[in-house]
Protein backbone atom coordinates (compact mmCIF):
# COMPACT_ATOMS: atom_id res chain seq x y z
CA MET A 1 27.78 -19.83 11.61
CA GLN A 2 28.28 -16.48 13.33
CA GLU A 3 25.64 -14.29 14.91
CA TYR A 4 25.80 -10.57 14.49
CA ASP A 5 23.14 -7.94 15.04
CA VAL A 6 22.32 -5.02 17.30
CA ASP A 7 19.11 -3.30 18.31
CA MET A 8 18.65 0.13 16.79
CA LYS A 9 17.91 2.51 19.67
CA GLU A 10 15.66 5.56 19.51
CA ASP A 11 18.49 7.87 20.51
CA VAL A 12 20.33 6.89 17.30
CA PHE A 13 17.71 9.02 15.56
CA ASN A 14 17.51 11.89 18.06
CA GLY A 15 14.76 10.37 20.14
CA GLN A 16 12.31 9.92 17.27
CA PRO A 17 10.47 6.61 16.80
CA VAL A 18 12.31 4.11 14.63
CA ILE A 19 10.74 2.10 11.81
CA SER A 20 12.07 -0.93 9.93
CA VAL A 21 11.12 -1.20 6.26
CA GLY A 22 11.42 -4.37 4.19
CA ILE A 23 12.75 -3.22 0.82
CA LEU A 24 13.72 -6.24 -1.27
CA HIS A 25 13.47 -10.05 -1.19
CA SER A 26 15.88 -12.07 -3.31
CA ASP A 27 18.41 -14.90 -3.12
CA THR A 28 21.18 -12.45 -4.05
CA ILE A 29 21.17 -8.72 -3.33
CA ARG A 30 23.59 -6.37 -5.03
CA LEU A 31 24.30 -3.03 -3.40
CA ARG A 32 26.67 -0.10 -3.17
CA PHE A 33 27.72 1.88 -0.11
CA ASP A 34 28.25 5.50 -1.18
CA ALA A 35 29.98 6.39 2.10
CA PRO A 36 31.58 4.38 4.93
CA TYR A 37 29.25 1.99 6.74
CA HIS A 38 30.29 0.08 9.85
CA VAL A 39 29.81 -3.68 10.07
CA LEU A 40 31.39 -6.12 12.52
CA ASP A 41 34.71 -4.45 13.39
CA ALA A 42 35.34 -2.67 10.11
CA ASP A 43 34.13 0.03 7.73
CA ILE A 44 33.02 -0.79 4.21
CA GLU A 45 32.45 1.35 1.14
CA GLY A 46 31.71 0.56 -2.51
CA GLU A 47 29.92 -2.35 -4.18
CA CYS A 48 29.28 -5.79 -2.73
CA GLU A 49 26.83 -8.69 -2.78
CA VAL A 50 24.98 -10.53 -0.03
CA TYR A 51 23.64 -14.06 -0.52
CA LEU A 52 21.14 -16.51 0.89
CA ALA A 53 22.99 -19.71 1.86
CA ASP A 54 21.59 -22.64 3.85
CA GLY A 55 18.86 -20.44 5.26
CA LEU A 56 21.38 -17.86 6.51
CA VAL A 57 22.85 -14.52 5.43
CA GLU A 58 26.17 -15.00 3.65
CA TRP A 59 28.62 -12.13 3.24
CA GLN A 60 32.31 -12.30 2.38
CA GLY A 61 32.29 -16.08 2.71
CA LYS A 62 30.80 -16.20 6.22
CA LYS A 63 27.24 -16.92 7.35
CA TYR A 64 25.14 -15.03 9.87
CA ASP A 65 21.64 -15.13 11.32
CA SER A 66 21.40 -11.43 10.48
CA LEU A 67 23.81 -8.66 9.61
CA LEU A 68 23.59 -4.92 10.31
CA PHE A 69 25.42 -2.13 8.48
CA GLU A 70 25.37 1.18 10.36
CA PRO A 71 26.01 4.55 8.68
CA GLY A 72 29.23 6.31 9.59
CA ALA A 73 27.55 9.70 9.22
CA ALA A 74 23.99 11.01 9.24
CA ASP A 75 24.07 11.77 5.51
CA ALA A 76 25.59 8.42 4.47
CA THR A 77 23.68 6.55 1.77
CA PHE A 78 23.56 3.13 0.17
CA CYS A 79 22.04 1.94 -3.10
CA LEU A 80 20.13 -1.31 -3.65
CA TYR A 81 20.03 -2.60 -7.21
CA ASP A 82 16.95 -4.05 -8.93
CA VAL A 83 14.33 -3.18 -6.30
CA VAL A 84 10.92 -4.43 -7.45
CA ILE A 85 8.14 -1.83 -7.30
CA GLY A 86 4.44 -2.21 -8.10
CA ILE A 87 4.54 -5.86 -7.05
CA ASP A 88 1.72 -7.82 -8.78
CA PHE A 89 0.34 -4.67 -10.42
CA HIS A 90 0.22 -4.13 -14.18
CA TRP A 91 3.11 -1.63 -14.00
CA GLU A 92 5.49 -3.83 -11.96
CA ARG A 93 9.15 -3.08 -12.71
CA LYS A 94 12.65 -2.89 -11.21
CA GLU A 95 14.75 0.15 -10.38
CA ASN A 96 17.84 1.08 -8.40
CA GLN A 97 17.06 2.98 -5.21
CA THR A 98 19.18 4.97 -2.74
CA PHE A 99 18.54 5.08 1.02
CA ARG A 100 19.72 6.72 4.22
CA GLY A 101 19.85 5.06 7.63
CA ALA A 102 20.97 1.57 8.63
CA LEU A 103 20.70 -1.58 6.52
CA ARG A 104 19.89 -4.95 8.05
CA PHE A 105 19.96 -8.27 6.19
CA ILE A 106 17.72 -11.06 7.48
CA VAL A 107 16.09 -14.20 6.17
CA ASP A 108 12.35 -13.66 5.80
CA GLU A 109 9.92 -16.25 4.42
CA GLY A 110 12.83 -18.31 3.11
CA ARG A 111 14.47 -15.47 1.17
CA LEU A 112 17.19 -12.93 1.83
CA CYS A 113 15.63 -9.60 2.78
CA ALA A 114 17.12 -6.09 2.91
CA VAL A 115 15.60 -3.98 5.69
CA ASN A 116 16.13 -0.24 6.04
CA VAL A 117 16.10 1.01 9.65
CA LEU A 118 15.57 4.76 10.13
CA SER A 119 13.54 7.36 11.99
CA VAL A 120 9.84 7.66 11.24
CA GLU A 121 10.30 11.29 10.17
CA GLU A 122 13.05 10.41 7.65
CA TYR A 123 10.86 7.56 6.43
CA LEU A 124 7.96 9.99 5.88
CA LYS A 125 10.05 12.36 3.77
CA SER A 126 10.44 9.52 1.29
CA VAL A 127 6.84 8.28 1.56
CA ILE A 128 5.36 11.68 0.80
CA SER A 129 7.74 12.11 -2.13
CA SER A 130 7.11 8.56 -3.39
CA GLU A 131 3.32 8.68 -3.07
CA MET A 132 3.03 12.23 -4.45
CA SER A 133 4.72 14.33 -7.09
CA ALA A 134 6.81 17.42 -6.39
CA THR A 135 4.04 19.67 -7.74
CA ALA A 136 1.47 18.79 -5.05
CA SER A 137 0.15 21.60 -2.85
CA LEU A 138 1.60 22.09 0.63
CA GLU A 139 -1.74 21.60 2.42
CA PHE A 140 -2.39 18.32 0.61
CA LEU A 141 1.12 17.10 1.43
CA LYS A 142 0.72 18.12 5.09
CA ALA A 143 -2.53 16.13 5.27
CA HIS A 144 -0.81 13.12 3.73
CA ALA A 145 2.14 13.43 6.10
CA VAL A 146 -0.22 13.21 9.07
CA ILE A 147 -2.06 10.13 7.78
CA SER A 148 1.13 8.38 6.67
CA ARG A 149 2.67 8.99 10.10
CA SER A 150 -0.53 7.80 11.81
CA TRP A 151 -0.70 4.66 9.71
CA ALA A 152 2.97 3.78 10.23
CA LEU A 153 2.86 4.26 14.01
CA ALA A 154 -0.41 2.30 14.21
CA GLN A 155 1.32 -0.64 12.48
CA ILE A 156 4.24 -0.50 14.91
CA HIS A 157 1.80 -0.41 17.83
CA ALA A 158 -0.16 -3.37 16.43
CA LYS A 159 3.05 -5.39 16.08
CA GLU A 160 4.07 -4.56 19.66
CA ASN A 161 0.75 -6.07 20.71
CA GLY A 162 1.45 -9.32 18.86
CA SER A 163 -0.53 -8.77 15.65
CA THR A 164 1.36 -10.18 12.65
CA ALA A 165 -1.30 -11.94 10.58
CA ALA A 166 -0.70 -11.63 6.84
CA TRP A 167 -4.30 -12.38 6.01
CA LYS A 168 -7.48 -13.72 7.54
CA MET A 169 -10.00 -15.98 5.95
CA LYS A 170 -13.40 -17.58 6.28
CA ASP A 171 -13.32 -20.69 4.13
CA GLU A 172 -16.21 -23.17 4.02
CA PRO A 173 -17.98 -25.11 1.28
CA GLY A 174 -19.11 -22.68 -1.41
CA VAL A 175 -17.64 -19.64 0.38
CA HIS A 176 -14.16 -18.11 0.15
CA VAL A 177 -13.82 -14.83 2.09
CA LYS A 178 -10.32 -13.47 2.57
CA TRP A 179 -8.95 -10.09 3.56
CA TYR A 180 -5.38 -8.87 3.77
CA ASP A 181 -4.01 -7.02 6.79
CA HIS A 182 -1.24 -4.43 6.63
CA ASP A 183 0.39 -5.96 9.74
CA ALA A 184 1.53 -8.87 7.61
CA HIS A 185 5.24 -8.55 8.22
CA ALA A 186 6.63 -10.46 11.18
CA ASN A 187 10.29 -9.47 10.81
CA PHE A 188 9.97 -5.76 10.01
CA ASP A 189 7.34 -3.08 10.55
CA VAL A 190 6.21 -2.29 7.00
CA CYS A 191 7.14 -3.11 3.41
CA ALA A 192 8.18 -0.53 0.84
CA ASP A 193 5.51 -1.16 -1.80
CA ASP A 194 1.81 -0.42 -2.30
CA HIS A 195 0.85 -3.28 0.04
CA CYS A 196 1.78 -0.85 2.82
CA GLN A 197 2.71 2.61 1.55
CA ARG A 198 5.26 3.49 -1.08
CA TYR A 199 8.76 4.08 0.25
CA GLN A 200 11.57 4.50 -2.25
CA GLY A 201 14.36 5.93 -0.12
CA ILE A 202 15.76 9.27 -1.20
CA THR A 203 15.37 8.31 -4.86
CA ARG A 204 12.33 10.56 -5.32
CA ILE A 205 12.97 13.19 -2.66
CA ASN A 206 13.18 16.13 -5.04
CA SER A 207 10.64 18.50 -3.51
CA ARG A 208 11.27 21.11 -0.85
CA THR A 209 7.48 21.27 -0.39
CA ALA A 210 7.31 17.59 0.61
CA LEU A 211 10.09 18.08 3.17
CA GLU A 212 8.35 21.19 4.49
CA ALA A 213 5.09 19.23 4.87
CA VAL A 214 6.77 16.57 7.00
CA GLU A 215 8.67 19.10 9.10
CA ALA A 216 5.61 21.31 9.63
CA THR A 217 3.57 18.37 10.96
CA CYS A 218 6.36 16.61 12.89
CA GLY A 219 4.81 14.33 15.54
CA LYS A 220 1.22 15.07 14.50
CA VAL A 221 -1.14 12.10 14.14
CA LEU A 222 -4.84 11.35 13.92
CA MET A 223 -6.27 10.07 17.20
CA TYR A 224 -9.58 8.52 18.22
CA GLU A 225 -10.39 7.83 21.88
CA GLY A 226 -6.73 7.72 22.90
CA GLU A 227 -5.58 5.46 20.05
CA ILE A 228 -3.61 6.37 16.93
CA CYS A 229 -5.90 6.01 13.94
CA ASP A 230 -5.32 3.30 11.36
CA ALA A 231 -5.48 5.95 8.65
CA ARG A 232 -6.15 4.10 5.40
CA PHE A 233 -6.09 5.81 1.99
CA SER A 234 -6.52 4.95 -1.68
CA LYS A 235 -5.99 6.57 -5.07
CA CYS A 236 -9.61 7.40 -6.01
CA CYS A 237 -12.78 6.59 -4.08
CA GLY A 238 -14.97 7.12 -7.16
CA GLY A 239 -17.13 9.66 -5.36
CA MET A 240 -17.99 7.71 -2.20
CA MET A 241 -15.79 6.48 0.65
CA GLU A 242 -16.26 2.94 1.94
CA GLU A 243 -16.51 1.60 5.50
CA PHE A 244 -13.50 -0.17 7.02
CA GLN A 245 -15.24 -3.45 7.87
CA ASN A 246 -16.33 -3.99 4.26
CA CYS A 247 -12.71 -4.32 3.18
CA TRP A 248 -11.00 -5.82 6.23
CA GLU A 249 -11.86 -7.23 9.64
CA ASP A 250 -15.46 -6.96 10.85
CA SER A 251 -14.62 -4.23 13.36
CA PRO A 252 -16.04 -0.85 12.31
CA LYS A 253 -13.90 2.22 12.93
CA PRO A 254 -15.87 5.44 13.57
CA TYR A 255 -13.35 7.52 11.63
CA LEU A 256 -13.40 5.28 8.52
CA VAL A 257 -16.97 5.65 7.36
CA ALA A 258 -18.99 5.98 4.16
CA LYS A 259 -19.65 9.51 2.91
CA ARG A 260 -19.70 11.46 -0.32
CA ASP A 261 -16.40 12.89 -1.51
CA SER A 262 -17.88 16.36 -1.63
CA ILE A 263 -18.77 19.32 0.58
CA GLY A 264 -22.02 21.15 -0.14
CA ASP A 265 -22.68 21.35 -3.86
CA SER A 266 -19.01 21.09 -4.82
CA GLY A 267 -19.43 17.85 -6.75
CA ASP A 268 -17.19 14.86 -6.15
CA PHE A 269 -13.68 16.12 -5.51
CA CYS A 270 -12.09 13.12 -7.21
CA ASN A 271 -14.11 13.62 -10.39
CA THR A 272 -11.41 15.51 -12.23
CA SER A 273 -9.56 15.18 -15.50
CA ASP A 274 -7.31 18.16 -14.76
CA LYS A 275 -3.87 16.82 -15.72
CA ARG A 276 -2.16 19.46 -13.60
CA ILE A 277 -3.88 18.16 -10.46
CA LEU A 278 -3.67 14.49 -11.44
CA SER A 279 0.07 14.84 -11.93
CA GLN A 280 0.33 15.82 -8.24
CA VAL A 281 -0.85 12.34 -7.22
CA LEU A 282 0.07 10.12 -10.13
CA ASN A 283 3.75 9.47 -10.67
CA GLY A 284 4.94 8.49 -14.14
CA TYR A 285 3.98 4.82 -13.89
CA ASP A 286 0.65 5.67 -12.21
CA GLN A 287 -0.24 7.81 -15.19
CA GLU A 288 -0.24 4.65 -17.29
CA THR A 289 -3.59 4.01 -15.59
CA ALA A 290 -6.43 6.09 -17.04
CA HIS A 291 -10.22 6.37 -16.58
CA PHE A 292 -10.28 5.43 -12.90
CA TYR A 293 -13.15 7.65 -11.67
CA ARG A 294 -15.34 5.62 -14.03
CA TRP A 295 -14.00 2.61 -15.91
CA THR A 296 -15.07 -0.42 -17.94
CA GLN A 297 -13.64 -3.93 -18.10
CA GLU A 298 -15.00 -6.43 -20.62
CA TYR A 299 -14.51 -10.21 -20.90
CA THR A 300 -15.85 -12.91 -23.15
CA VAL A 301 -17.26 -15.87 -21.23
CA SER A 302 -14.25 -17.96 -22.25
CA GLU A 303 -11.80 -15.30 -21.06
CA LEU A 304 -13.56 -14.85 -17.74
CA SER A 305 -13.95 -18.58 -17.11
CA GLU A 306 -10.27 -19.24 -17.77
CA LEU A 307 -9.22 -16.25 -15.65
CA VAL A 308 -11.33 -17.22 -12.63
CA CYS A 309 -10.13 -20.83 -12.85
CA ARG A 310 -6.49 -19.76 -12.93
CA LYS A 311 -6.70 -17.07 -10.24
CA SER A 312 -8.92 -19.01 -7.83
CA GLY A 313 -7.45 -22.46 -8.42
CA MET A 314 -11.00 -23.81 -8.86
CA ASP A 315 -12.67 -25.02 -12.05
CA LEU A 316 -16.18 -23.57 -11.98
CA GLY A 317 -16.78 -24.41 -15.63
CA ARG A 318 -18.20 -21.74 -17.92
CA ILE A 319 -19.22 -18.67 -15.96
CA ARG A 320 -22.97 -18.14 -16.09
CA ASP A 321 -23.44 -15.19 -13.75
CA LEU A 322 -21.77 -12.70 -11.39
CA VAL A 323 -24.18 -11.85 -8.59
CA PRO A 324 -23.41 -9.27 -5.86
CA VAL A 325 -24.45 -10.81 -2.52
CA SER A 326 -23.31 -7.98 -0.22
CA VAL A 327 -22.55 -4.42 -1.30
CA GLY A 328 -21.13 -1.58 0.81
CA PRO A 329 -22.48 1.98 0.85
CA SER A 330 -19.93 3.08 -1.78
CA GLY A 331 -21.13 0.38 -4.18
CA ARG A 332 -18.08 -1.79 -3.51
CA ILE A 333 -18.98 -5.46 -3.64
CA VAL A 334 -18.11 -7.21 -0.39
CA LEU A 335 -19.34 -10.67 -1.40
CA LEU A 336 -19.72 -11.80 -5.01
CA LYS A 337 -21.39 -15.05 -6.10
CA ILE A 338 -19.73 -16.54 -9.16
CA VAL A 339 -22.06 -19.01 -10.86
CA GLY A 340 -20.43 -21.58 -13.13
CA SER A 341 -21.66 -24.55 -15.11
CA LYS A 342 -19.79 -26.92 -12.77
CA ALA A 343 -19.87 -25.13 -9.42
CA THR A 344 -20.82 -21.91 -7.66
CA ILE A 345 -18.76 -20.02 -5.10
CA THR A 346 -19.13 -16.80 -3.14
CA VAL A 347 -15.90 -14.78 -2.90
CA GLY A 348 -14.88 -11.76 -0.80
CA LYS A 349 -13.71 -9.35 0.39
CA GLU A 350 -12.99 -6.56 -2.03
CA LEU A 351 -9.33 -7.26 -2.78
CA GLU A 352 -9.90 -10.97 -3.32
CA ILE A 353 -12.67 -10.12 -5.78
CA ARG A 354 -10.30 -7.77 -7.59
CA LYS A 355 -7.61 -10.46 -7.72
CA TRP A 356 -9.95 -13.13 -9.14
CA LEU A 357 -11.38 -10.87 -11.86
CA SER A 358 -8.16 -9.43 -13.24
CA GLU A 359 -4.68 -10.44 -14.39
CA SER A 360 -3.29 -8.06 -11.75
CA HIS A 361 -5.88 -6.17 -9.69
CA LEU A 362 -9.23 -4.89 -10.91
CA TYR A 363 -9.32 -1.14 -10.26
CA SER A 364 -11.89 -1.62 -7.51
CA SER A 365 -14.77 -3.85 -6.47
CA ALA A 366 -17.25 -1.00 -7.02
CA PHE A 367 -18.75 -2.26 -10.25
CA GLU A 368 -22.05 -3.24 -11.79
CA VAL A 369 -22.34 -6.28 -14.05
CA GLU A 370 -23.81 -6.16 -17.53
CA LYS A 371 -24.41 -9.51 -19.23
CA ILE A 372 -24.44 -9.63 -23.01
CA MET A 373 -26.55 -12.64 -23.96
CA GLY A 374 -25.93 -14.93 -26.93
CA ASP A 375 -28.45 -16.54 -29.26
CA ASP A 376 -28.47 -19.64 -27.04
CA GLY A 377 -29.84 -17.66 -24.11
CA LEU A 378 -26.56 -17.88 -22.18
CA PRO A 379 -24.11 -15.07 -21.42
CA GLU A 380 -21.67 -14.32 -24.21
CA ARG A 381 -19.80 -11.45 -22.61
CA PHE A 382 -19.57 -9.74 -19.23
CA VAL A 383 -19.02 -5.98 -18.99
CA LEU A 384 -18.03 -4.52 -15.63
CA HIS A 385 -18.91 -0.84 -15.20
CA GLY A 386 -16.77 0.38 -12.32
CA ARG A 387 -15.98 3.34 -10.09
CA GLY A 388 -12.74 4.33 -8.38
CA TRP A 389 -9.24 2.97 -7.97
CA GLY A 390 -8.53 1.09 -4.75
CA HIS A 391 -10.51 0.15 -1.66
CA GLY A 392 -11.91 3.65 -1.17
CA VAL A 393 -11.51 3.69 2.62
CA GLY A 394 -10.28 6.91 4.26
CA LEU A 395 -8.48 9.62 2.32
CA CYS A 396 -9.01 9.70 -1.44
CA GLN A 397 -5.67 10.94 -2.79
CA ILE A 398 -7.08 12.52 -5.94
CA GLY A 399 -9.97 14.07 -4.04
CA ALA A 400 -7.61 15.43 -1.39
CA ALA A 401 -5.34 16.88 -4.10
CA VAL A 402 -8.34 18.72 -5.54
CA MET A 403 -9.24 20.00 -2.06
CA GLY A 404 -5.72 21.31 -1.60
CA ASP A 405 -5.87 22.99 -4.98
CA LYS A 406 -9.17 24.64 -4.04
CA GLY A 407 -7.60 26.20 -0.95
CA TYR A 408 -8.72 23.86 1.83
CA LYS A 409 -6.29 23.66 4.77
CA TYR A 410 -4.75 20.35 5.77
CA ASP A 411 -6.90 19.98 8.89
CA GLU A 412 -10.06 20.57 6.83
CA ILE A 413 -8.94 17.86 4.39
CA LEU A 414 -8.32 15.45 7.26
CA MET A 415 -11.65 16.12 8.96
CA HIS A 416 -13.45 15.57 5.64
CA TYR A 417 -11.93 12.11 5.18
CA TYR A 418 -11.63 11.07 8.84
CA PRO A 419 -14.72 12.37 10.64
CA ASN A 420 -14.70 11.90 14.43
CA ALA A 421 -10.87 11.84 14.57
CA ASN A 422 -8.68 14.51 16.17
CA ILE A 423 -5.26 15.83 15.22
CA GLU A 424 -2.81 15.58 18.13
CA ASN A 425 0.93 16.08 18.55
CA ILE A 426 2.46 13.04 20.30
CA TYR A 427 6.16 14.01 20.14
C-alpha cells in the first residue's frame, strides 16, 4: 500500500475559501481527463478507471489511502461518468458531468468516492446554474448566490467545530423522531445532490446571468450576531414559511421563522402557474413534478399499510388513523401518530414523515388527512391534501423567483425570507 495525498491550500484558488464536494460513490469510477492533470510524479490525460480494492483506492494496479489529481491549468476539466442525481427522489437518474478544480479519490462509508476540490466561488457558479435555469432574473440569482454561499460556509464552519452527525434521533417505545443534518459528511464538506445543494460541475453553466450574480455578490453572506447564517431553502413553501426547529434540531434560529410568503396584499408569491417563471426554478427533471403549491396524494388502506410497513420496518397492521400530534405554524406536521390494528407509533420530524408516507419523498409534511370510511365503519382510503414542496424553511425558490420577476432587489428578497439577518461582505 502507498500513501499519497496533499492538502489543498487557499492560495491555490487565489486566497478564496476552498470547499470539497462529494460527487459520486461507487466501487468503480470511470472518468476522463480533458487536459493534463498531475498525479504522483506524472501528468495524465484521457480516460481511466479507479477502483475500490481491499478498502483502499486502486489505480493503475497500485493501492492508496487516497489519491489527488491536480489540474495543470486553471481551465482544465475532467468528466465523471454515470453520476447519480436526484438520489432517492422519483426522478433519480444518471448523467455524465464535467468539472473544474482538483479531484480526490477516497474511501467513504465503505465505497470509493470522487471528491471535487475547488474554490467556493467556482463552486457557486455551478450551484446557481444547477439549482436555477438560465432564464432566471439577475436579482433572484444574486439572492440565491448569497444564501448558497452562506449555507456552504456555515457547513464548513460547523465541520471545523467537530459537527459531523448524519442524523439525530429520539427513539423510545411508541416514538420514532429523526431529523437529518446537512453536516452529515465526515470526509468532505458537502455532497453534490439535493441532500445539500445541487452541484453539477460546469455541465449546466450556460448562463452569463448566473455568473454575473456570483461575481456581483462575491464574498457576501447573511450574518446574524457575528455568525454566518445557516441559510436553508426549499422549492415551494406553499404560502407559509416554517420554523427551523420544527424540521431539525430544537434550537430556534431568529432568521428562520414562520411568516406568510407575501408582502402587503400581494398574495402568496409562490402561488403561481406562470410557466415562464416556473421554468426559472424548475430544471427539466423538476418540471416532471406538478401541482406542488397544492397537491393531493391518495392511498387505499392496503396500499398505505404495506407502504408504512416497508418504509418503517415495523408491522403496524392495517392503518386505522393518521393523527397530527404536533403541527408547525406553516401547517407542516412535526409529529404524526400512525394508528394500526397491531401497534401505534408517533413519527417525526417532517422528512421522516415524508419518507414513511411515500415511495420516494412526499412533497411536504404540510397536509391534512381525509379518511374515506367503508361500510364496516373502518377507513377504506386516506387522502392527503397538501401544500408546498420541501421543508419550507427559509427562502422559497418559486416565491423568490416571482419576487425577482416583480422587480424586487436581491436584498429585499433576502430580508423577506431571512428577517433579522444582515448582508455582510466577509472577503
